């Protein structure tokens, strides 16, 4: 949310909820009985009868087990008018039978009548409760923000057993599930937490807040915080009729509860246009958790015309092999040719003529535009750099084409193919990578403990480099830095 055309979708709101079994479910159905929401007092108590929030039982001994996918409940805000196209994004990352959650819509779609969600490859579908009684006065927004605001509370009231985290996202938000689990397992779900990230656009953050988790980028609310939010949210919503979107209102309510945003740089609102190379090619040293606004970005692999097909290549290959390492950067040098090499594992390899420092290479290239297209580089909420200092340093980019696991060596083998672009005139004596190098092969051992250690970029080493007229392939080894090893300029 908080960007035009994402959380503001939806037509007429309906009040039908699918039937559930048990008393907890009857409460959930009562919350969607079509009546106007009750006016709440400032302390969150209702001035007229209303379904009370379901309180989860106190933590049991099983709470001591590590947080896993089974402990996360996803709530995906969606619009029936865009469902036919947006559902394909969800199919890419959703794991039927392993994950729990629902798509919350304004009115039914065909999947709503499926008795077995696993056959659709999608989460179950629920219809948001009627929010017509809530005030909404923002002139440029949409009332659908009100129903989406309540997804966490409505999910909590379902009383799903073992729920530790309630995770929100948009229908065009792609989650990296294993990395999400890794991040949330670091926090105590019995304490109130609100985990997410602001926008990449400085202007967006000024308009909304640097303390707000942008909904399209996704955010997570712990069980303890969700329980408190469910008790007071309807009254809280009444107090903020002029806010634009759903995440705006969730932030306002979390502020009333006194729960600050716990930032995690792996949640990406992607308030950007164009080529995501600059962002993923120099990803922060932290797990990649989400990507959003995919309709406004080029496919992650530009040689694949379909956005969803490009995402499937990423998920069926690197994400399946070693999710923790996806888009993690390593910087090294081919000293003989004076090339700088940057590996964004599972995504792309960038080769540049000349020696650029790691400090420069870890700064994202401006391959994209700001959400506000007329804004210059000062409008980003993070450091950026030009794509090239001068024409001879225009990078050659090699995108991941295929990946596999060498089980005998417990090593991943990823192959990257040069993205062919028109040549740039240059009189440097430094060899042109485009004239010598067509493919890059990256070898990396599986490293399940990557995020159990202090954050540090992996090191890379050039094992072999092409010579004129011979094998047009470079082989690179990526892994934990050895004793005394670093990216020496």
Foldseek 3Di string as FASTA:
>chain_A
DLAPPFLQDEDAAALDWDQDDDDLRVLLSQQQPQDEDFAADPVLHGPDDHRAADAADPDDPVLVDFFAQAQEEEEAEEEPVCCVPLQLLQLLAQDPPRHHYEYEYRDDDVQQPDPGVVVVSHYHYTYFGDHVNAAADAPPGHPSQVRLLCRLLSVSSSNDPNHWKYKAAYSQKHWLRVQVSVVVSVDRLLDWAKEAADAQFLVSCVVQHRFFHDRNLMIMTTSNNSSVCNSRLVNQSNVCNHDHGNSSSNSSSCVVVVHTYDYDQLRYSCLWAEACCLDLLQDPLGANTIDGPLVRYAALDNVDRDNSVSSNQLCVAVSVLARRQASFWAWAAPVVLQWIWIDRPSFKIKIWHHDDDPVQSNAGEPRIAGNPRVDDQVRTPGGYDHCDPDQRGNIWMWTWDHKDAPVVVQKIKTKTFTDDDDHDDDDDPRDDLVQQAGMEIEIEHHDPCQVVDDRDGWYKDWPDDTDPPDDRYTYMYTYHADVPDDHDD
